[in-house]
Amino acid sequence: MKSNKPTSFDIAYRAGVSQPTVSRALRNSPLVNKETRERVQAIARELNYKVDINARKLRSKESKTFALLFSEDPGSTDTAISPFFLSILANITRSSARRGYDLLISFQHYSDNWGADYEDTHKADGIIFLGYGDYLTYIKKIAQLDEMGAHFVAWGPVMANQPGHFIGCDNIDGGYQATKHLISLGHSKIAFLGTTGDSSPEMASRYQGYTKALLEANIVVEPSLQSDANANDRDGSEGMEALLQARDDFTAVFCASDVIAMNAIRALSKYGKRVPEDIAVIGFDDIPMSSFCSPPLTTVKQDTQLAGEMLVEKLINLIEGKEINSVQLPTKLIVRESCGALHKAQLSDK
């Protein structure tokens, strides 16, 4: 015999919305606009709807699953996942498995309702974010999730007064180490290949470290020695070609990622420039392939093993109701052949 007790589906039908929207509206979720919340709540009162506490408890059981979301710009669907993120992903997977959690991996566009798709529907107990495309757009969605009390952590820039919880590296110090090393090798005309705007704060911080090292060495920061590039094949090559066409006097370049650096080296070869004999090159990330390119790439290492472990640990602590904080991890300069230090050492030994 069918029960006459009203359900959330009855409310959804009357309100002209989905059942998950009804659930969120009855919890006063900020993901539902005020007008819809009030309409849904008025219909619930009219129908004398009561939340089934037992059903809610049943639905709220832990799934022992994390959602790992690669956030991306809707216009970049043909772009491959960054090798750096693949390295973090491997370590997140290992760390999750050790703690008894499965991993649900997905791509999310800016238009998607992150919290509703995963935590609200109990597909996952919490969310780990990798990547962000345009940070200014991304951080607004992060702020929304933070306001609704969602369980999530993100890999990215660690900044003051930032919503949510982030794990990231010390990008300023990494850029400083790389540039200071090039200066120690005798370079004074050092280019920077990477974006410097607010939409990419990690690269902007690496540029800040670059300028810090130059100014400390009393070297003038020349805007014409900076060329925009994002972490994809085309930008690295085109950014380097733009530099070569604008200036012919720089002897070293600090690239804001290893992918940019590898494609910069390809562009230098196209222009007949040898690395490191004519142009010294340093990257950032220390992705696995950086030691196998030609020449092997000097780079700034981000510890992806520690990053993966910490993202999982912080998320579990958050789910368990513990206080957590954002963390900035140290970086380390890894010297290989592309900067010329090993080449010079070999020559001095002869």
C-alpha atoms as a PDB file:
ATOM      1  CA  MET A   1       0.000   0.000   0.000  1.00  0.00           C
ATOM      2  CA  LYS A   2       1.378   3.374  -1.018  1.00  0.00           C
ATOM      3  CA  SER A   3       2.152   5.804   1.791  1.00  0.00           C
ATOM      4  CA  ASN A   4       0.487   9.238   1.668  1.00  0.00           C
ATOM      5  CA  LYS A   5       3.435  10.802   3.469  1.00  0.00           C
ATOM      6  CA  PRO A   6       4.951  13.533   1.235  1.00  0.00           C
ATOM      7  CA  THR A   7       8.471  13.004  -0.103  1.00  0.00           C
ATOM      8  CA  SER A   8      11.214  15.269  -1.371  1.00  0.00           C
ATOM      9  CA  PHE A   9      10.259  14.156  -4.882  1.00  0.00           C
ATOM     10  CA  ASP A  10       6.741  15.572  -4.337  1.00  0.00           C
ATOM     11  CA  ILE A  11       8.298  18.893  -3.350  1.00  0.00           C
ATOM     12  CA  ALA A  12      10.621  18.767  -6.371  1.00  0.00           C
ATOM     13  CA  TYR A  13       7.643  18.246  -8.693  1.00  0.00           C
ATOM     14  CA  ARG A  14       5.684  21.126  -7.175  1.00  0.00           C
ATOM     15  CA  ALA A  15       8.700  23.458  -7.166  1.00  0.00           C
ATOM     16  CA  GLY A  16       9.888  22.510 -10.652  1.00  0.00           C
ATOM     17  CA  VAL A  17      13.388  21.599  -9.487  1.00  0.00           C
ATOM     18  CA  SER A  18      15.428  18.426  -9.029  1.00  0.00           C
ATOM     19  CA  GLN A  19      15.320  16.294  -5.870  1.00  0.00           C
ATOM     20  CA  PRO A  20      18.976  17.083  -4.973  1.00  0.00           C
ATOM     21  CA  THR A  21      18.071  20.796  -5.217  1.00  0.00           C
ATOM     22  CA  VAL A  22      15.246  20.212  -2.731  1.00  0.00           C
ATOM     23  CA  SER A  23      17.659  18.505  -0.318  1.00  0.00           C
ATOM     24  CA  ARG A  24      20.113  21.395  -0.538  1.00  0.00           C
ATOM     25  CA  ALA A  25      17.364  24.024  -0.226  1.00  0.00           C
ATOM     26  CA  LEU A  26      16.039  22.403   2.944  1.00  0.00           C
ATOM     27  CA  ARG A  27      19.578  22.578   4.373  1.00  0.00           C
ATOM     28  CA  ASN A  28      19.834  26.279   3.397  1.00  0.00           C
ATOM     29  CA  SER A  29      22.745  25.507   1.089  1.00  0.00           C
ATOM     30  CA  PRO A  30      24.165  28.679  -0.534  1.00  0.00           C
ATOM     31  CA  LEU A  31      24.441  26.661  -3.763  1.00  0.00           C
ATOM     32  CA  VAL A  32      20.664  27.220  -4.187  1.00  0.00           C
ATOM     33  CA  ASN A  33      19.604  30.808  -4.793  1.00  0.00           C
ATOM     34  CA  LYS A  34      17.471  32.521  -2.148  1.00  0.00           C
ATOM     35  CA  GLU A  35      14.263  32.624  -4.217  1.00  0.00           C
ATOM     36  CA  THR A  36      14.385  28.872  -4.933  1.00  0.00           C
ATOM     37  CA  ARG A  37      15.226  28.056  -1.295  1.00  0.00           C
ATOM     38  CA  GLU A  38      12.238  30.038  -0.043  1.00  0.00           C
ATOM     39  CA  ARG A  39       9.899  28.465  -2.624  1.00  0.00           C
ATOM     40  CA  VAL A  40      11.006  24.937  -1.737  1.00  0.00           C
ATOM     41  CA  GLN A  41      10.757  25.577   2.004  1.00  0.00           C
ATOM     42  CA  ALA A  42       7.238  27.074   1.615  1.00  0.00           C
ATOM     43  CA  ILE A  43       6.052  23.993  -0.292  1.00  0.00           C
ATOM     44  CA  ALA A  44       7.607  21.730   2.369  1.00  0.00           C
ATOM     45  CA  ARG A  45       5.656  23.572   5.087  1.00  0.00           C
ATOM     46  CA  GLU A  46       2.465  23.422   3.037  1.00  0.00           C
ATOM     47  CA  LEU A  47       2.817  19.644   2.599  1.00  0.00           C
ATOM     48  CA  ASN A  48       3.843  19.242   6.264  1.00  0.00           C
ATOM     49  CA  TYR A  49       7.008  17.527   5.037  1.00  0.00           C
ATOM     50  CA  LYS A  50       9.297  16.095   7.721  1.00  0.00           C
ATOM     51  CA  VAL A  51      12.897  15.055   7.095  1.00  0.00           C
ATOM     52  CA  ASP A  52      13.408  11.310   7.605  1.00  0.00           C
ATOM     53  CA  ILE A  53      16.260  11.370  10.126  1.00  0.00           C
ATOM     54  CA  ASN A  54      16.979   7.657   9.768  1.00  0.00           C
ATOM     55  CA  ALA A  55      17.205   7.949   5.985  1.00  0.00           C
ATOM     56  CA  ARG A  56      19.479  10.938   6.312  1.00  0.00           C
ATOM     57  CA  LYS A  57      21.758   9.007   8.640  1.00  0.00           C
ATOM     58  CA  LEU A  58      21.789   6.078   6.219  1.00  0.00           C
ATOM     59  CA  ARG A  59      22.679   8.355   3.322  1.00  0.00           C
ATOM     60  CA  SER A  60      25.343  10.129   5.358  1.00  0.00           C
ATOM     61  CA  LYS A  61      27.423   7.007   5.990  1.00  0.00           C
ATOM     62  CA  GLU A  62      30.989   7.330   4.791  1.00  0.00           C
ATOM     63  CA  SER A  63      31.622   6.080   1.287  1.00  0.00           C
ATOM     64  CA  LYS A  64      35.361   5.591   1.965  1.00  0.00           C
ATOM     65  CA  THR A  65      35.917   7.327  -1.356  1.00  0.00           C
ATOM     66  CA  PHE A  66      37.611  10.579  -2.321  1.00  0.00           C
ATOM     67  CA  ALA A  67      36.755  12.529  -5.451  1.00  0.00           C
ATOM     68  CA  LEU A  68      39.884  13.841  -7.170  1.00  0.00           C
ATOM     69  CA  LEU A  69      38.925  16.608  -9.557  1.00  0.00           C
ATOM     70  CA  PHE A  70      41.095  18.059 -12.279  1.00  0.00           C
ATOM     71  CA  SER A  71      39.741  21.572 -12.742  1.00  0.00           C
ATOM     72  CA  GLU A  72      40.115  22.939 -16.227  1.00  0.00           C
ATOM     73  CA  ASP A  73      39.078  25.767 -18.509  1.00  0.00           C
ATOM     74  CA  PRO A  74      36.192  24.622 -20.777  1.00  0.00           C
ATOM     75  CA  GLY A  75      38.250  25.800 -23.753  1.00  0.00           C
ATOM     76  CA  SER A  76      41.179  23.520 -22.962  1.00  0.00           C
ATOM     77  CA  THR A  77      39.603  20.071 -23.442  1.00  0.00           C
ATOM     78  CA  ASP A  78      42.288  19.037 -25.930  1.00  0.00           C
ATOM     79  CA  THR A  79      45.132  19.838 -23.563  1.00  0.00           C
ATOM     80  CA  ALA A  80      46.836  16.841 -21.944  1.00  0.00           C
ATOM     81  CA  ILE A  81      46.994  16.552 -18.167  1.00  0.00           C
ATOM     82  CA  SER A  82      50.174  18.146 -16.850  1.00  0.00           C
ATOM     83  CA  PRO A  83      52.901  15.537 -16.172  1.00  0.00           C
ATOM     84  CA  PHE A  84      53.398  17.233 -12.821  1.00  0.00           C
ATOM     85  CA  PHE A  85      49.788  16.538 -11.815  1.00  0.00           C
ATOM     86  CA  LEU A  86      50.110  12.939 -12.999  1.00  0.00           C
ATOM     87  CA  SER A  87      53.006  12.557 -10.570  1.00  0.00           C
ATOM     88  CA  ILE A  88      50.943  13.963  -7.678  1.00  0.00           C
ATOM     89  CA  LEU A  89      48.011  11.774  -8.732  1.00  0.00           C
ATOM     90  CA  ALA A  90      50.127   8.622  -8.428  1.00  0.00           C
ATOM     91  CA  ASN A  91      51.092   9.564  -4.873  1.00  0.00           C
ATOM     92  CA  ILE A  92      47.532  10.529  -3.904  1.00  0.00           C
ATOM     93  CA  THR A  93      46.375   7.110  -5.158  1.00  0.00           C
ATOM     94  CA  ARG A  94      49.008   5.266  -3.106  1.00  0.00           C
ATOM     95  CA  SER A  95      48.336   7.303   0.017  1.00  0.00           C
ATOM     96  CA  SER A  96      44.544   6.890  -0.300  1.00  0.00           C
ATOM     97  CA  ALA A  97      44.876   3.125  -0.718  1.00  0.00           C
ATOM     98  CA  ARG A  98      47.071   2.893   2.387  1.00  0.00           C
ATOM     99  CA  ARG A  99      44.346   4.668   4.367  1.00  0.00           C
ATOM    100  CA  GLY A 100      41.563   2.440   2.997  1.00  0.00           C
ATOM    101  CA  TYR A 101      40.036   4.942   0.571  1.00  0.00           C
ATOM    102  CA  ASP A 102      39.101   4.526  -3.096  1.00  0.00           C
ATOM    103  CA  LEU A 103      39.634   7.364  -5.559  1.00  0.00           C
ATOM    104  CA  LEU A 104      37.015   8.700  -7.985  1.00  0.00           C
ATOM    105  CA  ILE A 105      38.768  10.751 -10.679  1.00  0.00           C
ATOM    106  CA  SER A 106      36.987  13.291 -12.870  1.00  0.00           C
ATOM    107  CA  PHE A 107      37.397  16.468 -14.889  1.00  0.00           C
ATOM    108  CA  GLN A 108      35.369  19.453 -13.753  1.00  0.00           C
ATOM    109  CA  HIS A 109      34.587  22.603 -15.726  1.00  0.00           C
ATOM    110  CA  TYR A 110      33.958  25.974 -14.106  1.00  0.00           C
ATOM    111  CA  SER A 111      30.218  25.683 -14.762  1.00  0.00           C
ATOM    112  CA  ASP A 112      29.867  22.433 -12.810  1.00  0.00           C
ATOM    113  CA  ASN A 113      28.452  22.247  -9.295  1.00  0.00           C
ATOM    114  CA  TRP A 114      31.417  20.589  -7.561  1.00  0.00           C
ATOM    115  CA  GLY A 115      29.921  20.071  -4.122  1.00  0.00           C
ATOM    116  CA  ALA A 116      26.516  18.935  -5.364  1.00  0.00           C
ATOM    117  CA  ASP A 117      28.017  16.401  -7.769  1.00  0.00           C
ATOM    118  CA  TYR A 118      30.094  14.608  -5.157  1.00  0.00           C
ATOM    119  CA  GLU A 119      29.783  15.290  -1.441  1.00  0.00           C
ATOM    120  CA  ASP A 120      26.084  16.263  -1.493  1.00  0.00           C
ATOM    121  CA  THR A 121      25.171  13.056  -3.349  1.00  0.00           C
ATOM    122  CA  HIS A 122      27.475  10.964  -1.114  1.00  0.00           C
ATOM    123  CA  LYS A 123      29.561   9.649  -3.982  1.00  0.00           C
ATOM    124  CA  ALA A 124      32.591  10.799  -2.004  1.00  0.00           C
ATOM    125  CA  ASP A 125      33.426  11.830   1.548  1.00  0.00           C
ATOM    126  CA  GLY A 126      35.604  14.706   0.373  1.00  0.00           C
ATOM    127  CA  ILE A 127      37.264  16.306  -2.624  1.00  0.00           C
ATOM    128  CA  ILE A 128      40.895  16.870  -3.663  1.00  0.00           C
ATOM    129  CA  PHE A 129      41.477  19.511  -6.346  1.00  0.00           C
ATOM    130  CA  LEU A 130      44.364  19.568  -8.810  1.00  0.00           C
ATOM    131  CA  GLY A 131      44.778  22.368 -11.334  1.00  0.00           C
ATOM    132  CA  TYR A 132      42.711  25.510 -11.710  1.00  0.00           C
ATOM    133  CA  GLY A 133      43.053  27.179 -15.137  1.00  0.00           C
ATOM    134  CA  ASP A 134      42.146  30.804 -14.392  1.00  0.00           C
ATOM    135  CA  TYR A 135      42.708  31.182 -10.637  1.00  0.00           C
ATOM    136  CA  LEU A 136      40.432  34.216 -10.305  1.00  0.00           C
ATOM    137  CA  THR A 137      37.440  32.212 -11.553  1.00  0.00           C
ATOM    138  CA  TYR A 138      38.431  29.076  -9.679  1.00  0.00           C
ATOM    139  CA  ILE A 139      38.826  30.730  -6.279  1.00  0.00           C
ATOM    140  CA  LYS A 140      35.207  31.986  -6.398  1.00  0.00           C
ATOM    141  CA  LYS A 141      33.988  28.381  -6.635  1.00  0.00           C
ATOM    142  CA  ILE A 142      36.384  27.401  -3.843  1.00  0.00           C
ATOM    143  CA  ALA A 143      34.944  30.187  -1.667  1.00  0.00           C
ATOM    144  CA  GLN A 144      31.422  28.839  -2.334  1.00  0.00           C
ATOM    145  CA  LEU A 145      32.427  25.351  -1.227  1.00  0.00           C
ATOM    146  CA  ASP A 146      34.150  26.753   1.855  1.00  0.00           C
ATOM    147  CA  GLU A 147      31.036  28.702   2.855  1.00  0.00           C
ATOM    148  CA  MET A 148      28.848  25.580   2.674  1.00  0.00           C
ATOM    149  CA  GLY A 149      31.299  23.611   4.843  1.00  0.00           C
ATOM    150  CA  ALA A 150      32.298  21.079   2.182  1.00  0.00           C
ATOM    151  CA  HIS A 151      35.210  18.752   2.907  1.00  0.00           C
ATOM    152  CA  PHE A 152      37.969  19.559   0.417  1.00  0.00           C
ATOM    153  CA  VAL A 153      41.655  20.368   0.053  1.00  0.00           C
ATOM    154  CA  ALA A 154      43.439  21.762  -2.989  1.00  0.00           C
ATOM    155  CA  TRP A 155      46.915  21.759  -4.461  1.00  0.00           C
ATOM    156  CA  GLY A 156      47.854  25.288  -5.421  1.00  0.00           C
ATOM    157  CA  PRO A 157      49.193  28.626  -4.240  1.00  0.00           C
ATOM    158  CA  VAL A 158      49.136  29.248  -0.495  1.00  0.00           C
ATOM    159  CA  MET A 159      48.053  32.862  -0.025  1.00  0.00           C
ATOM    160  CA  ALA A 160      46.904  35.154   2.786  1.00  0.00           C
ATOM    161  CA  ASN A 161      43.149  35.345   3.518  1.00  0.00           C
ATOM    162  CA  GLN A 162      42.470  32.472   1.127  1.00  0.00           C
ATOM    163  CA  PRO A 163      39.218  30.465   1.416  1.00  0.00           C
ATOM    164  CA  GLY A 164      39.555  26.729   1.926  1.00  0.00           C
ATOM    165  CA  HIS A 165      42.695  24.716   2.611  1.00  0.00           C
ATOM    166  CA  PHE A 166      45.634  24.565   0.203  1.00  0.00           C
ATOM    167  CA  ILE A 167      48.838  22.560   0.003  1.00  0.00           C
ATOM    168  CA  GLY A 168      51.487  24.133  -2.227  1.00  0.00           C
ATOM    169  CA  CYS A 169      55.183  24.788  -2.576  1.00  0.00           C
ATOM    170  CA  ASP A 170      57.256  27.868  -1.783  1.00  0.00           C
ATOM    171  CA  ASN A 171      57.186  29.249  -5.316  1.00  0.00           C
ATOM    172  CA  ILE A 172      58.981  32.465  -4.425  1.00  0.00           C
ATOM    173  CA  ASP A 173      61.928  30.632  -2.897  1.00  0.00           C
ATOM    174  CA  GLY A 174      62.007  28.189  -5.800  1.00  0.00           C
ATOM    175  CA  GLY A 175      62.267  31.028  -8.309  1.00  0.00           C
ATOM    176  CA  TYR A 176      64.878  32.691  -6.127  1.00  0.00           C
ATOM    177  CA  GLN A 177      67.022  29.522  -5.934  1.00  0.00           C
ATOM    178  CA  ALA A 178      66.921  28.981  -9.698  1.00  0.00           C
ATOM    179  CA  THR A 179      67.847  32.566 -10.580  1.00  0.00           C
ATOM    180  CA  LYS A 180      70.520  32.845  -7.896  1.00  0.00           C
ATOM    181  CA  HIS A 181      72.129  29.690  -9.289  1.00  0.00           C
ATOM    182  CA  LEU A 182      72.253  31.185 -12.776  1.00  0.00           C
ATOM    183  CA  ILE A 183      73.785  34.371 -11.364  1.00  0.00           C
ATOM    184  CA  SER A 184      76.415  32.290  -9.558  1.00  0.00           C
ATOM    185  CA  LEU A 185      77.377  30.821 -12.946  1.00  0.00           C
ATOM    186  CA  GLY A 186      78.143  34.309 -14.239  1.00  0.00           C
ATOM    187  CA  HIS A 187      74.863  35.196 -15.983  1.00  0.00           C
ATOM    188  CA  SER A 188      73.445  38.702 -15.732  1.00  0.00           C
ATOM    189  CA  LYS A 189      71.088  38.730 -18.734  1.00  0.00           C
ATOM    190  CA  ILE A 190      68.571  36.152 -17.511  1.00  0.00           C
ATOM    191  CA  ALA A 191      65.162  35.802 -19.153  1.00  0.00           C
ATOM    192  CA  PHE A 192      61.953  34.552 -17.529  1.00  0.00           C
ATOM    193  CA  LEU A 193      59.508  32.403 -19.474  1.00  0.00           C
ATOM    194  CA  GLY A 194      56.072  32.206 -17.837  1.00  0.00           C
ATOM    195  CA  THR A 195      52.978  34.257 -17.043  1.00  0.00           C
ATOM    196  CA  THR A 196      53.053  36.845 -14.263  1.00  0.00           C
ATOM    197  CA  GLY A 197      49.416  37.920 -13.839  1.00  0.00           C
ATOM    198  CA  ASP A 198      46.871  37.319 -11.067  1.00  0.00           C
ATOM    199  CA  SER A 199      45.252  34.471 -13.019  1.00  0.00           C
ATOM    200  CA  SER A 200      48.340  32.321 -12.400  1.00  0.00           C
ATOM    201  CA  PRO A 201      49.668  33.175  -8.909  1.00  0.00           C
ATOM    202  CA  GLU A 202      52.100  30.228  -8.749  1.00  0.00           C
ATOM    203  CA  MET A 203      53.999  31.376 -11.850  1.00  0.00           C
ATOM    204  CA  ALA A 204      53.734  34.974 -10.683  1.00  0.00           C
ATOM    205  CA  SER A 205      55.384  33.973  -7.395  1.00  0.00           C
ATOM    206  CA  ARG A 206      58.192  32.223  -9.286  1.00  0.00           C
ATOM    207  CA  TYR A 207      58.710  35.475 -11.187  1.00  0.00           C
ATOM    208  CA  GLN A 208      58.767  37.306  -7.853  1.00  0.00           C
ATOM    209  CA  GLY A 209      61.576  35.001  -6.692  1.00  0.00           C
ATOM    210  CA  TYR A 210      63.380  35.648  -9.980  1.00  0.00           C
ATOM    211  CA  THR A 211      63.225  39.430  -9.507  1.00  0.00           C
ATOM    212  CA  LYS A 212      64.279  39.101  -5.859  1.00  0.00           C
ATOM    213  CA  ALA A 213      67.500  37.301  -6.848  1.00  0.00           C
ATOM    214  CA  LEU A 214      68.275  39.832  -9.586  1.00  0.00           C
ATOM    215  CA  LEU A 215      67.784  42.846  -7.330  1.00  0.00           C
ATOM    216  CA  GLU A 216      69.828  41.224  -4.562  1.00  0.00           C
ATOM    217  CA  ALA A 217      72.699  40.911  -7.073  1.00  0.00           C
ATOM    218  CA  ASN A 218      72.213  44.552  -8.225  1.00  0.00           C
ATOM    219  CA  ILE A 219      71.003  43.398 -11.641  1.00  0.00           C
ATOM    220  CA  VAL A 220      68.316  45.526 -13.297  1.00  0.00           C
ATOM    221  CA  VAL A 221      64.985  43.731 -13.871  1.00  0.00           C
ATOM    222  CA  GLU A 222      64.172  44.227 -17.556  1.00  0.00           C
ATOM    223  CA  PRO A 223      60.505  43.668 -18.534  1.00  0.00           C
ATOM    224  CA  SER A 224      61.578  42.842 -22.096  1.00  0.00           C
ATOM    225  CA  LEU A 225      63.324  39.722 -20.769  1.00  0.00           C
ATOM    226  CA  GLN A 226      59.979  38.252 -19.659  1.00  0.00           C
ATOM    227  CA  SER A 227      57.766  36.363 -22.118  1.00  0.00           C
ATOM    228  CA  ASP A 228      54.350  34.858 -21.389  1.00  0.00           C
ATOM    229  CA  ALA A 229      53.959  31.087 -21.474  1.00  0.00           C
ATOM    230  CA  ASN A 230      51.589  28.600 -19.866  1.00  0.00           C
ATOM    231  CA  ALA A 231      52.394  24.955 -19.213  1.00  0.00           C
ATOM    232  CA  ASN A 232      51.634  23.538 -22.643  1.00  0.00           C
ATOM    233  CA  ASP A 233      53.715  22.690 -25.697  1.00  0.00           C
ATOM    234  CA  ARG A 234      52.726  25.606 -27.896  1.00  0.00           C
ATOM    235  CA  ASP A 235      53.229  28.297 -25.235  1.00  0.00           C
ATOM    236  CA  GLY A 236      56.728  27.121 -24.323  1.00  0.00           C
ATOM    237  CA  SER A 237      57.929  27.164 -27.931  1.00  0.00           C
ATOM    238  CA  GLU A 238      56.131  30.365 -28.902  1.00  0.00           C
ATOM    239  CA  GLY A 239      57.213  32.172 -25.744  1.00  0.00           C
ATOM    240  CA  MET A 240      60.857  31.372 -26.407  1.00  0.00           C
ATOM    241  CA  GLU A 241      60.582  32.375 -30.060  1.00  0.00           C
ATOM    242  CA  ALA A 242      59.085  35.709 -28.977  1.00  0.00           C
ATOM    243  CA  LEU A 243      62.040  36.248 -26.629  1.00  0.00           C
ATOM    244  CA  LEU A 244      64.574  35.412 -29.342  1.00  0.00           C
ATOM    245  CA  GLN A 245      62.916  37.816 -31.743  1.00  0.00           C
ATOM    246  CA  ALA A 246      62.861  40.624 -29.153  1.00  0.00           C
ATOM    247  CA  ARG A 247      66.329  40.164 -27.616  1.00  0.00           C
ATOM    248  CA  ASP A 248      69.552  38.491 -28.694  1.00  0.00           C
ATOM    249  CA  ASP A 249      71.688  39.256 -25.654  1.00  0.00           C
ATOM    250  CA  PHE A 250      70.352  36.983 -22.896  1.00  0.00           C
ATOM    251  CA  THR A 251      72.509  34.016 -21.923  1.00  0.00           C
ATOM    252  CA  ALA A 252      70.157  32.153 -19.590  1.00  0.00           C
ATOM    253  CA  VAL A 253      66.450  31.556 -19.086  1.00  0.00           C
ATOM    254  CA  PHE A 254      64.448  30.488 -16.062  1.00  0.00           C
ATOM    255  CA  CYS A 255      61.245  28.729 -17.150  1.00  0.00           C
ATOM    256  CA  ALA A 256      58.195  28.578 -14.874  1.00  0.00           C
ATOM    257  CA  SER A 257      57.673  24.845 -15.524  1.00  0.00           C
ATOM    258  CA  ASP A 258      59.593  21.872 -16.906  1.00  0.00           C
ATOM    259  CA  VAL A 259      57.169  21.519 -19.828  1.00  0.00           C
ATOM    260  CA  ILE A 260      57.821  25.150 -20.764  1.00  0.00           C
ATOM    261  CA  ALA A 261      61.574  24.564 -20.429  1.00  0.00           C
ATOM    262  CA  MET A 262      61.582  21.463 -22.630  1.00  0.00           C
ATOM    263  CA  ASN A 263      59.716  23.243 -25.384  1.00  0.00           C
ATOM    264  CA  ALA A 264      61.920  26.310 -24.964  1.00  0.00           C
ATOM    265  CA  ILE A 265      64.951  24.075 -25.588  1.00  0.00           C
ATOM    266  CA  ARG A 266      63.273  22.786 -28.750  1.00  0.00           C
ATOM    267  CA  ALA A 267      62.744  26.376 -29.941  1.00  0.00           C
ATOM    268  CA  LEU A 268      66.350  27.281 -29.121  1.00  0.00           C
ATOM    269  CA  SER A 269      67.557  24.360 -31.229  1.00  0.00           C
ATOM    270  CA  LYS A 270      65.401  25.565 -34.102  1.00  0.00           C
ATOM    271  CA  TYR A 271      67.200  28.922 -33.913  1.00  0.00           C
ATOM    272  CA  GLY A 272      70.632  27.260 -33.820  1.00  0.00           C
ATOM    273  CA  LYS A 273      71.212  27.920 -30.109  1.00  0.00           C
ATOM    274  CA  ARG A 274      72.971  25.235 -28.049  1.00  0.00           C
ATOM    275  CA  VAL A 275      71.984  24.406 -24.459  1.00  0.00           C
ATOM    276  CA  PRO A 276      73.870  25.061 -22.229  1.00  0.00           C
ATOM    277  CA  GLU A 277      76.797  26.385 -24.342  1.00  0.00           C
ATOM    278  CA  ASP A 278      74.843  29.366 -25.756  1.00  0.00           C
ATOM    279  CA  ILE A 279      71.839  29.561 -23.437  1.00  0.00           C
ATOM    280  CA  ALA A 280      71.545  28.045 -19.956  1.00  0.00           C
ATOM    281  CA  VAL A 281      68.075  26.743 -19.063  1.00  0.00           C
ATOM    282  CA  ILE A 282      66.383  25.949 -15.734  1.00  0.00           C
ATOM    283  CA  GLY A 283      62.846  24.595 -15.322  1.00  0.00           C
ATOM    284  CA  PHE A 284      60.463  24.099 -12.398  1.00  0.00           C
ATOM    285  CA  ASP A 285      58.693  20.940 -11.066  1.00  0.00           C
ATOM    286  CA  ASP A 286      61.209  18.097 -11.606  1.00  0.00           C
ATOM    287  CA  ILE A 287      58.724  15.915 -13.485  1.00  0.00           C
ATOM    288  CA  PRO A 288      60.084  12.391 -14.173  1.00  0.00           C
ATOM    289  CA  MET A 289      60.978  13.082 -17.819  1.00  0.00           C
ATOM    290  CA  SER A 290      63.145  16.103 -16.903  1.00  0.00           C
ATOM    291  CA  SER A 291      66.156  13.875 -16.249  1.00  0.00           C
ATOM    292  CA  PHE A 292      65.751  12.120 -19.610  1.00  0.00           C
ATOM    293  CA  CYS A 293      65.462  15.093 -21.974  1.00  0.00           C
ATOM    294  CA  SER A 294      68.462  16.336 -23.946  1.00  0.00           C
ATOM    295  CA  PRO A 295      70.290  17.839 -22.213  1.00  0.00           C
ATOM    296  CA  PRO A 296      69.001  16.641 -18.807  1.00  0.00           C
ATOM    297  CA  LEU A 297      67.109  19.537 -17.256  1.00  0.00           C
ATOM    298  CA  THR A 298      68.232  21.519 -14.235  1.00  0.00           C
ATOM    299  CA  THR A 299      65.043  22.253 -12.327  1.00  0.00           C
ATOM    300  CA  VAL A 300      63.374  23.188  -9.045  1.00  0.00           C
ATOM    301  CA  LYS A 301      61.869  20.120  -7.402  1.00  0.00           C
ATOM    302  CA  GLN A 302      58.392  20.063  -5.920  1.00  0.00           C
ATOM    303  CA  ASP A 303      58.038  17.044  -3.637  1.00  0.00           C
ATOM    304  CA  THR A 304      55.071  15.222  -5.210  1.00  0.00           C
ATOM    305  CA  GLN A 305      55.328  12.278  -2.804  1.00  0.00           C
ATOM    306  CA  LEU A 306      54.973  14.500   0.240  1.00  0.00           C
ATOM    307  CA  ALA A 307      52.298  16.554  -1.553  1.00  0.00           C
ATOM    308  CA  GLY A 308      50.160  13.481  -2.246  1.00  0.00           C
ATOM    309  CA  GLU A 309      50.511  12.183   1.297  1.00  0.00           C
ATOM    310  CA  MET A 310      49.695  15.550   2.832  1.00  0.00           C
ATOM    311  CA  LEU A 311      46.625  16.167   0.641  1.00  0.00           C
ATOM    312  CA  VAL A 312      45.166  12.825   1.747  1.00  0.00           C
ATOM    313  CA  GLU A 313      46.118  13.295   5.408  1.00  0.00           C
ATOM    314  CA  LYS A 314      44.635  16.800   5.581  1.00  0.00           C
ATOM    315  CA  LEU A 315      41.391  15.695   3.924  1.00  0.00           C
ATOM    316  CA  ILE A 316      40.941  12.770   6.331  1.00  0.00           C
ATOM    317  CA  ASN A 317      41.559  15.095   9.285  1.00  0.00           C
ATOM    318  CA  LEU A 318      38.948  17.514   7.917  1.00  0.00           C
ATOM    319  CA  ILE A 319      36.395  14.719   7.468  1.00  0.00           C
ATOM    320  CA  GLU A 320      37.038  13.624  11.067  1.00  0.00           C
ATOM    321  CA  GLY A 321      36.276  17.142  12.280  1.00  0.00           C
ATOM    322  CA  LYS A 322      39.832  18.123  13.136  1.00  0.00           C
ATOM    323  CA  GLU A 323      41.304  21.580  12.602  1.00  0.00           C
ATOM    324  CA  ILE A 324      43.614  21.793   9.590  1.00  0.00           C
ATOM    325  CA  ASN A 325      45.679  24.564   8.048  1.00  0.00           C
ATOM    326  CA  SER A 326      47.192  25.348   4.656  1.00  0.00           C
ATOM    327  CA  VAL A 327      50.814  24.264   4.233  1.00  0.00           C
ATOM    328  CA  GLN A 328      53.655  25.531   2.039  1.00  0.00           C
ATOM    329  CA  LEU A 329      56.241  22.862   1.198  1.00  0.00           C
ATOM    330  CA  PRO A 330      59.938  23.653   0.559  1.00  0.00           C
ATOM    331  CA  THR A 331      61.524  23.338  -2.872  1.00  0.00           C
ATOM    332  CA  LYS A 332      64.961  22.056  -3.864  1.00  0.00           C
ATOM    333  CA  LEU A 333      67.245  22.950  -6.783  1.00  0.00           C
ATOM    334  CA  ILE A 334      68.235  19.867  -8.821  1.00  0.00           C
ATOM    335  CA  VAL A 335      71.366  20.581 -10.888  1.00  0.00           C
ATOM    336  CA  ARG A 336      71.743  18.750 -14.202  1.00  0.00           C
ATOM    337  CA  GLU A 337      73.373  19.613 -17.516  1.00  0.00           C
ATOM    338  CA  SER A 338      71.021  22.245 -18.986  1.00  0.00           C
ATOM    339  CA  CYS A 339      72.260  25.087 -16.741  1.00  0.00           C
ATOM    340  CA  GLY A 340      75.922  24.609 -17.695  1.00  0.00           C
ATOM    341  CA  ALA A 341      77.253  24.038 -14.172  1.00  0.00           C
ATOM    342  CA  LEU A 342      78.272  20.454 -14.880  1.00  0.00           C
ATOM    343  CA  HIS A 343      79.720  21.476 -18.259  1.00  0.00           C
ATOM    344  CA  LYS A 344      81.906  24.109 -16.587  1.00  0.00           C
ATOM    345  CA  ALA A 345      83.010  21.637 -13.926  1.00  0.00           C
ATOM    346  CA  GLN A 346      84.031  19.157 -16.600  1.00  0.00           C
ATOM    347  CA  LEU A 347      86.042  21.805 -18.457  1.00  0.00           C
ATOM    348  CA  SER A 348      87.843  22.903 -15.285  1.00  0.00           C
ATOM    349  CA  ASP A 349      88.852  19.306 -14.558  1.00  0.00           C
ATOM    350  CA  LYS A 350      90.614  18.971 -17.922  1.00  0.00           C
END
